[in-house]
Amino acid sequence: MSEAILKQIANDLADVKKRVIGIESELFEISDDLHEVRPEYLEKLEKIQKEKGRTFESKEEFLKFLKNEV
């Protein structure tokens, strides 16, 4: 390969490395900002998962179920 092509590849790799470092930085910021899930929400999720295959006639019926049953 010619010297110019190798130099361009090196520049491209440096740019990719810089972008990856920026992405990693943003991911760390996001993960630091995450909050723990409330235990009562985890209980509700477990209850929903146990009721596999449940169907609802309408959105209202589903929302009522979420409000009262879960």
PDB file of N, CA and C in Angstrom:
ATOM      1  N   MET A   1       0.841  -1.188   0.000  1.00  0.00           N
ATOM      2  CA  MET A   1       0.000   0.000   0.000  1.00  0.00           C
ATOM      3  C   MET A   1       0.880   1.243   0.000  1.00  0.00           C
ATOM      4  N   SER A   2       0.363   2.255  -0.556  1.00  0.00           N
ATOM      5  CA  SER A   2       1.152   3.484  -0.605  1.00  0.00           C
ATOM      6  C   SER A   2       1.112   4.192   0.745  1.00  0.00           C
ATOM      7  N   GLU A   3       2.062   5.032   0.939  1.00  0.00           N
ATOM      8  CA  GLU A   3       2.186   5.787   2.188  1.00  0.00           C
ATOM      9  C   GLU A   3       0.949   6.652   2.444  1.00  0.00           C
ATOM     10  N   ALA A   4       0.375   7.226   1.415  1.00  0.00           N
ATOM     11  CA  ALA A   4      -0.803   8.095   1.557  1.00  0.00           C
ATOM     12  C   ALA A   4      -2.010   7.302   2.054  1.00  0.00           C
ATOM     13  N   ILE A   5      -2.180   6.094   1.525  1.00  0.00           N
ATOM     14  CA  ILE A   5      -3.318   5.266   1.954  1.00  0.00           C
ATOM     15  C   ILE A   5      -3.153   4.857   3.410  1.00  0.00           C
ATOM     16  N   LEU A   6      -1.939   4.460   3.788  1.00  0.00           N
ATOM     17  CA  LEU A   6      -1.686   4.080   5.182  1.00  0.00           C
ATOM     18  C   LEU A   6      -1.918   5.254   6.130  1.00  0.00           C
ATOM     19  N   LYS A   7      -1.520   6.441   5.701  1.00  0.00           N
ATOM     20  CA  LYS A   7      -1.737   7.633   6.529  1.00  0.00           C
ATOM     21  C   LYS A   7      -3.233   7.917   6.680  1.00  0.00           C
ATOM     22  N   GLN A   8      -3.999   7.754   5.601  1.00  0.00           N
ATOM     23  CA  GLN A   8      -5.452   7.974   5.654  1.00  0.00           C
ATOM     24  C   GLN A   8      -6.114   6.948   6.577  1.00  0.00           C
ATOM     25  N   ILE A   9      -5.672   5.691   6.496  1.00  0.00           N
ATOM     26  CA  ILE A   9      -6.215   4.647   7.378  1.00  0.00           C
ATOM     27  C   ILE A   9      -5.918   4.986   8.832  1.00  0.00           C
ATOM     28  N   ALA A  10      -4.705   5.433   9.114  1.00  0.00           N
ATOM     29  CA  ALA A  10      -4.334   5.810  10.478  1.00  0.00           C
ATOM     30  C   ALA A  10      -5.195   6.964  10.970  1.00  0.00           C
ATOM     31  N   ASN A  11      -5.438   7.945  10.116  1.00  0.00           N
ATOM     32  CA  ASN A  11      -6.289   9.077  10.492  1.00  0.00           C
ATOM     33  C   ASN A  11      -7.726   8.624  10.754  1.00  0.00           C
ATOM     34  N   ASP A  12      -8.226   7.735   9.899  1.00  0.00           N
ATOM     35  CA  ASP A  12      -9.585   7.220  10.084  1.00  0.00           C
ATOM     36  C   ASP A  12      -9.706   6.445  11.389  1.00  0.00           C
ATOM     37  N   LEU A  13      -8.703   5.620  11.689  1.00  0.00           N
ATOM     38  CA  LEU A  13      -8.722   4.858  12.938  1.00  0.00           C
ATOM     39  C   LEU A  13      -8.667   5.778  14.150  1.00  0.00           C
ATOM     40  N   ALA A  14      -7.889   6.834  14.066  1.00  0.00           N
ATOM     41  CA  ALA A  14      -7.818   7.798  15.160  1.00  0.00           C
ATOM     42  C   ALA A  14      -9.177   8.461  15.371  1.00  0.00           C
ATOM     43  N   ASP A  15      -9.859   8.768  14.272  1.00  0.00           N
ATOM     44  CA  ASP A  15     -11.194   9.371  14.362  1.00  0.00           C
ATOM     45  C   ASP A  15     -12.190   8.399  14.986  1.00  0.00           C
ATOM     46  N   VAL A  16     -12.130   7.146  14.569  1.00  0.00           N
ATOM     47  CA  VAL A  16     -13.028   6.131  15.130  1.00  0.00           C
ATOM     48  C   VAL A  16     -12.755   5.961  16.620  1.00  0.00           C
ATOM     49  N   LYS A  17     -11.491   5.924  17.001  1.00  0.00           N
ATOM     50  CA  LYS A  17     -11.126   5.784  18.413  1.00  0.00           C
ATOM     51  C   LYS A  17     -11.679   6.948  19.232  1.00  0.00           C
ATOM     52  N   LYS A  18     -11.567   8.160  18.687  1.00  0.00           N
ATOM     53  CA  LYS A  18     -12.077   9.344  19.382  1.00  0.00           C
ATOM     54  C   LYS A  18     -13.594   9.246  19.568  1.00  0.00           C
ATOM     55  N   ARG A  19     -14.284   8.776  18.544  1.00  0.00           N
ATOM     56  CA  ARG A  19     -15.740   8.642  18.635  1.00  0.00           C
ATOM     57  C   ARG A  19     -16.139   7.566  19.643  1.00  0.00           C
ATOM     58  N   VAL A  20     -15.417   6.460  19.668  1.00  0.00           N
ATOM     59  CA  VAL A  20     -15.709   5.386  20.620  1.00  0.00           C
ATOM     60  C   VAL A  20     -15.509   5.883  22.046  1.00  0.00           C
ATOM     61  N   ILE A  21     -14.462   6.630  22.275  1.00  0.00           N
ATOM     62  CA  ILE A  21     -14.214   7.191  23.603  1.00  0.00           C
ATOM     63  C   ILE A  21     -15.359   8.121  24.001  1.00  0.00           C
ATOM     64  N   GLY A  22     -15.848   8.918  23.067  1.00  0.00           N
ATOM     65  CA  GLY A  22     -16.987   9.795  23.348  1.00  0.00           C
ATOM     66  C   GLY A  22     -18.243   9.010  23.678  1.00  0.00           C
ATOM     67  N   ILE A  23     -18.492   7.938  22.938  1.00  0.00           N
ATOM     68  CA  ILE A  23     -19.666   7.091  23.193  1.00  0.00           C
ATOM     69  C   ILE A  23     -19.552   6.441  24.565  1.00  0.00           C
ATOM     70  N   GLU A  24     -18.369   5.917  24.895  1.00  0.00           N
ATOM     71  CA  GLU A  24     -18.166   5.304  26.206  1.00  0.00           C
ATOM     72  C   GLU A  24     -18.414   6.309  27.318  1.00  0.00           C
ATOM     73  N   SER A  25     -17.949   7.524  27.124  1.00  0.00           N
ATOM     74  CA  SER A  25     -18.153   8.572  28.121  1.00  0.00           C
ATOM     75  C   SER A  25     -19.643   8.836  28.339  1.00  0.00           C
ATOM     76  N   GLU A  26     -20.394   8.929  27.245  1.00  0.00           N
ATOM     77  CA  GLU A  26     -21.837   9.146  27.356  1.00  0.00           C
ATOM     78  C   GLU A  26     -22.520   7.968  28.037  1.00  0.00           C
ATOM     79  N   LEU A  27     -22.096   6.753  27.730  1.00  0.00           N
ATOM     80  CA  LEU A  27     -22.688   5.575  28.364  1.00  0.00           C
ATOM     81  C   LEU A  27     -22.440   5.568  29.864  1.00  0.00           C
ATOM     82  N   PHE A  28     -21.243   5.948  30.285  1.00  0.00           N
ATOM     83  CA  PHE A  28     -20.954   6.014  31.709  1.00  0.00           C
ATOM     84  C   PHE A  28     -21.827   7.063  32.390  1.00  0.00           C
ATOM     85  N   GLU A  29     -22.024   8.194  31.739  1.00  0.00           N
ATOM     86  CA  GLU A  29     -22.890   9.231  32.301  1.00  0.00           C
ATOM     87  C   GLU A  29     -24.322   8.730  32.434  1.00  0.00           C
ATOM     88  N   ILE A  30     -24.802   8.027  31.427  1.00  0.00           N
ATOM     89  CA  ILE A  30     -26.163   7.488  31.466  1.00  0.00           C
ATOM     90  C   ILE A  30     -26.291   6.464  32.578  1.00  0.00           C
ATOM     91  N   SER A  31     -25.331   5.549  32.691  1.00  0.00           N
ATOM     92  CA  SER A  31     -25.423   4.506  33.712  1.00  0.00           C
ATOM     93  C   SER A  31     -25.314   5.094  35.112  1.00  0.00           C
ATOM     94  N   ASP A  32     -24.569   6.181  35.270  1.00  0.00           N
ATOM     95  CA  ASP A  32     -24.491   6.835  36.576  1.00  0.00           C
ATOM     96  C   ASP A  32     -25.805   7.507  36.944  1.00  0.00           C
ATOM     97  N   ASP A  33     -26.588   7.866  35.940  1.00  0.00           N
ATOM     98  CA  ASP A  33     -27.840   8.581  36.178  1.00  0.00           C
ATOM     99  C   ASP A  33     -29.023   7.634  36.390  1.00  0.00           C
ATOM    100  N   LEU A  34     -28.830   6.345  36.147  1.00  0.00           N
ATOM    101  CA  LEU A  34     -29.928   5.395  36.296  1.00  0.00           C
ATOM    102  C   LEU A  34     -30.300   5.239  37.763  1.00  0.00           C
ATOM    103  N   HIS A  35     -31.570   5.046  38.001  1.00  0.00           N
ATOM    104  CA  HIS A  35     -32.060   4.872  39.359  1.00  0.00           C
ATOM    105  C   HIS A  35     -32.513   3.437  39.556  1.00  0.00           C
ATOM    106  N   GLU A  36     -32.521   3.021  40.802  1.00  0.00           N
ATOM    107  CA  GLU A  36     -32.986   1.676  41.102  1.00  0.00           C
ATOM    108  C   GLU A  36     -34.505   1.618  40.960  1.00  0.00           C
ATOM    109  N   VAL A  37     -34.982   0.440  40.608  1.00  0.00           N
ATOM    110  CA  VAL A  37     -36.419   0.226  40.462  1.00  0.00           C
ATOM    111  C   VAL A  37     -37.001  -0.042  41.842  1.00  0.00           C
ATOM    112  N   ARG A  38     -38.136   0.555  42.114  1.00  0.00           N
ATOM    113  CA  ARG A  38     -38.795   0.341  43.401  1.00  0.00           C
ATOM    114  C   ARG A  38     -39.200  -1.119  43.543  1.00  0.00           C
ATOM    115  N   PRO A  39     -39.059  -1.671  44.749  1.00  0.00           N
ATOM    116  CA  PRO A  39     -39.411  -3.083  44.966  1.00  0.00           C
ATOM    117  C   PRO A  39     -40.862  -3.402  44.608  1.00  0.00           C
ATOM    118  N   GLU A  40     -41.785  -2.472  44.857  1.00  0.00           N
ATOM    119  CA  GLU A  40     -43.188  -2.748  44.537  1.00  0.00           C
ATOM    120  C   GLU A  40     -43.401  -2.865  43.030  1.00  0.00           C
ATOM    121  N   TYR A  41     -42.609  -2.131  42.246  1.00  0.00           N
ATOM    122  CA  TYR A  41     -42.695  -2.261  40.788  1.00  0.00           C
ATOM    123  C   TYR A  41     -42.173  -3.617  40.332  1.00  0.00           C
ATOM    124  N   LEU A  42     -41.112  -4.086  40.979  1.00  0.00           N
ATOM    125  CA  LEU A  42     -40.583  -5.409  40.643  1.00  0.00           C
ATOM    126  C   LEU A  42     -41.615  -6.490  40.952  1.00  0.00           C
ATOM    127  N   GLU A  43     -42.322  -6.333  42.066  1.00  0.00           N
ATOM    128  CA  GLU A  43     -43.376  -7.292  42.416  1.00  0.00           C
ATOM    129  C   GLU A  43     -44.478  -7.281  41.362  1.00  0.00           C
ATOM    130  N   LYS A  44     -44.862  -6.093  40.902  1.00  0.00           N
ATOM    131  CA  LYS A  44     -45.892  -5.992  39.871  1.00  0.00           C
ATOM    132  C   LYS A  44     -45.433  -6.649  38.577  1.00  0.00           C
ATOM    133  N   LEU A  45     -44.181  -6.440  38.210  1.00  0.00           N
ATOM    134  CA  LEU A  45     -43.654  -7.054  36.994  1.00  0.00           C
ATOM    135  C   LEU A  45     -43.662  -8.576  37.095  1.00  0.00           C
ATOM    136  N   GLU A  46     -43.284  -9.104  38.257  1.00  0.00           N
ATOM    137  CA  GLU A  46     -43.303 -10.555  38.450  1.00  0.00           C
ATOM    138  C   GLU A  46     -44.724 -11.093  38.322  1.00  0.00           C
ATOM    139  N   LYS A  47     -45.676 -10.384  38.889  1.00  0.00           N
ATOM    140  CA  LYS A  47     -47.070 -10.815  38.825  1.00  0.00           C
ATOM    141  C   LYS A  47     -47.569 -10.820  37.377  1.00  0.00           C
ATOM    142  N   ILE A  48     -47.207  -9.807  36.623  1.00  0.00           N
ATOM    143  CA  ILE A  48     -47.606  -9.729  35.216  1.00  0.00           C
ATOM    144  C   ILE A  48     -46.976 -10.871  34.422  1.00  0.00           C
ATOM    145  N   GLN A  49     -45.712 -11.154  34.674  1.00  0.00           N
ATOM    146  CA  GLN A  49     -45.023 -12.215  33.941  1.00  0.00           C
ATOM    147  C   GLN A  49     -45.628 -13.585  34.225  1.00  0.00           C
ATOM    148  N   LYS A  50     -46.137 -13.794  35.417  1.00  0.00           N
ATOM    149  CA  LYS A  50     -46.755 -15.078  35.765  1.00  0.00           C
ATOM    150  C   LYS A  50     -48.066 -15.281  35.021  1.00  0.00           C
ATOM    151  N   GLU A  51     -48.718 -14.216  34.607  1.00  0.00           N
ATOM    152  CA  GLU A  51     -50.007 -14.302  33.921  1.00  0.00           C
ATOM    153  C   GLU A  51     -49.808 -14.248  32.411  1.00  0.00           C
ATOM    154  N   LYS A  52     -48.988 -15.116  31.900  1.00  0.00           N
ATOM    155  CA  LYS A  52     -48.711 -15.146  30.461  1.00  0.00           C
ATOM    156  C   LYS A  52     -49.983 -15.439  29.679  1.00  0.00           C
ATOM    157  N   GLY A  53     -50.152 -14.747  28.576  1.00  0.00           N
ATOM    158  CA  GLY A  53     -51.262 -15.028  27.683  1.00  0.00           C
ATOM    159  C   GLY A  53     -52.574 -14.355  28.038  1.00  0.00           C
ATOM    160  N   ARG A  54     -52.586 -13.491  28.998  1.00  0.00           N
ATOM    161  CA  ARG A  54     -53.829 -12.809  29.350  1.00  0.00           C
ATOM    162  C   ARG A  54     -54.174 -11.797  28.260  1.00  0.00           C
ATOM    163  N   THR A  55     -55.441 -11.755  27.881  1.00  0.00           N
ATOM    164  CA  THR A  55     -55.882 -10.809  26.858  1.00  0.00           C
ATOM    165  C   THR A  55     -56.921  -9.859  27.438  1.00  0.00           C
ATOM    166  N   PHE A  56     -57.061  -8.731  26.794  1.00  0.00           N
ATOM    167  CA  PHE A  56     -58.007  -7.711  27.225  1.00  0.00           C
ATOM    168  C   PHE A  56     -58.831  -7.276  26.026  1.00  0.00           C
ATOM    169  N   GLU A  57     -60.077  -6.948  26.280  1.00  0.00           N
ATOM    170  CA  GLU A  57     -60.987  -6.522  25.219  1.00  0.00           C
ATOM    171  C   GLU A  57     -60.728  -5.086  24.774  1.00  0.00           C
ATOM    172  N   SER A  58     -60.209  -4.279  25.703  1.00  0.00           N
ATOM    173  CA  SER A  58     -60.000  -2.872  25.371  1.00  0.00           C
ATOM    174  C   SER A  58     -58.838  -2.310  26.180  1.00  0.00           C
ATOM    175  N   LYS A  59     -58.421  -1.135  25.773  1.00  0.00           N
ATOM    176  CA  LYS A  59     -57.360  -0.436  26.492  1.00  0.00           C
ATOM    177  C   LYS A  59     -57.825  -0.092  27.902  1.00  0.00           C
ATOM    178  N   GLU A  60     -59.079   0.285  28.020  1.00  0.00           N
ATOM    179  CA  GLU A  60     -59.628   0.654  29.322  1.00  0.00           C
ATOM    180  C   GLU A  60     -59.597  -0.533  30.278  1.00  0.00           C
ATOM    181  N   GLU A  61     -59.941  -1.708  29.759  1.00  0.00           N
ATOM    182  CA  GLU A  61     -59.913  -2.914  30.580  1.00  0.00           C
ATOM    183  C   GLU A  61     -58.480  -3.199  31.056  1.00  0.00           C
ATOM    184  N   PHE A  62     -57.530  -3.019  30.167  1.00  0.00           N
ATOM    185  CA  PHE A  62     -56.124  -3.229  30.517  1.00  0.00           C
ATOM    186  C   PHE A  62     -55.677  -2.232  31.586  1.00  0.00           C
ATOM    187  N   LEU A  63     -56.028  -0.965  31.404  1.00  0.00           N
ATOM    188  CA  LEU A  63     -55.638   0.055  32.377  1.00  0.00           C
ATOM    189  C   LEU A  63     -56.290  -0.196  33.732  1.00  0.00           C
ATOM    190  N   LYS A  64     -57.533  -0.659  33.721  1.00  0.00           N
ATOM    191  CA  LYS A  64     -58.215  -0.997  34.971  1.00  0.00           C
ATOM    192  C   LYS A  64     -57.484  -2.144  35.662  1.00  0.00           C
ATOM    193  N   PHE A  65     -57.079  -3.128  34.879  1.00  0.00           N
ATOM    194  CA  PHE A  65     -56.331  -4.253  35.426  1.00  0.00           C
ATOM    195  C   PHE A  65     -55.033  -3.770  36.074  1.00  0.00           C
ATOM    196  N   LEU A  66     -54.314  -2.909  35.382  1.00  0.00           N
ATOM    197  CA  LEU A  66     -53.060  -2.403  35.929  1.00  0.00           C
ATOM    198  C   LEU A  66     -53.281  -1.640  37.226  1.00  0.00           C
ATOM    199  N   LYS A  67     -54.334  -0.865  37.254  1.00  0.00           N
ATOM    200  CA  LYS A  67     -54.603  -0.039  38.425  1.00  0.00           C
ATOM    201  C   LYS A  67     -55.045  -0.874  39.624  1.00  0.00           C
ATOM    202  N   ASN A  68     -55.912  -1.846  39.393  1.00  0.00           N
ATOM    203  CA  ASN A  68     -56.524  -2.576  40.496  1.00  0.00           C
ATOM    204  C   ASN A  68     -55.876  -3.919  40.813  1.00  0.00           C
ATOM    205  N   GLU A  69     -55.516  -4.651  39.792  1.00  0.00           N
ATOM    206  CA  GLU A  69     -55.083  -6.025  39.992  1.00  0.00           C
ATOM    207  C   GLU A  69     -53.594  -6.156  40.290  1.00  0.00           C
ATOM    208  N   VAL A  70     -52.821  -5.321  39.675  1.00  0.00           N
ATOM    209  CA  VAL A  70     -51.373  -5.524  39.761  1.00  0.00           C
ATOM    210  C   VAL A  70     -50.801  -4.785  40.925  1.00  0.00           C
TER     211      VAL A  70
END
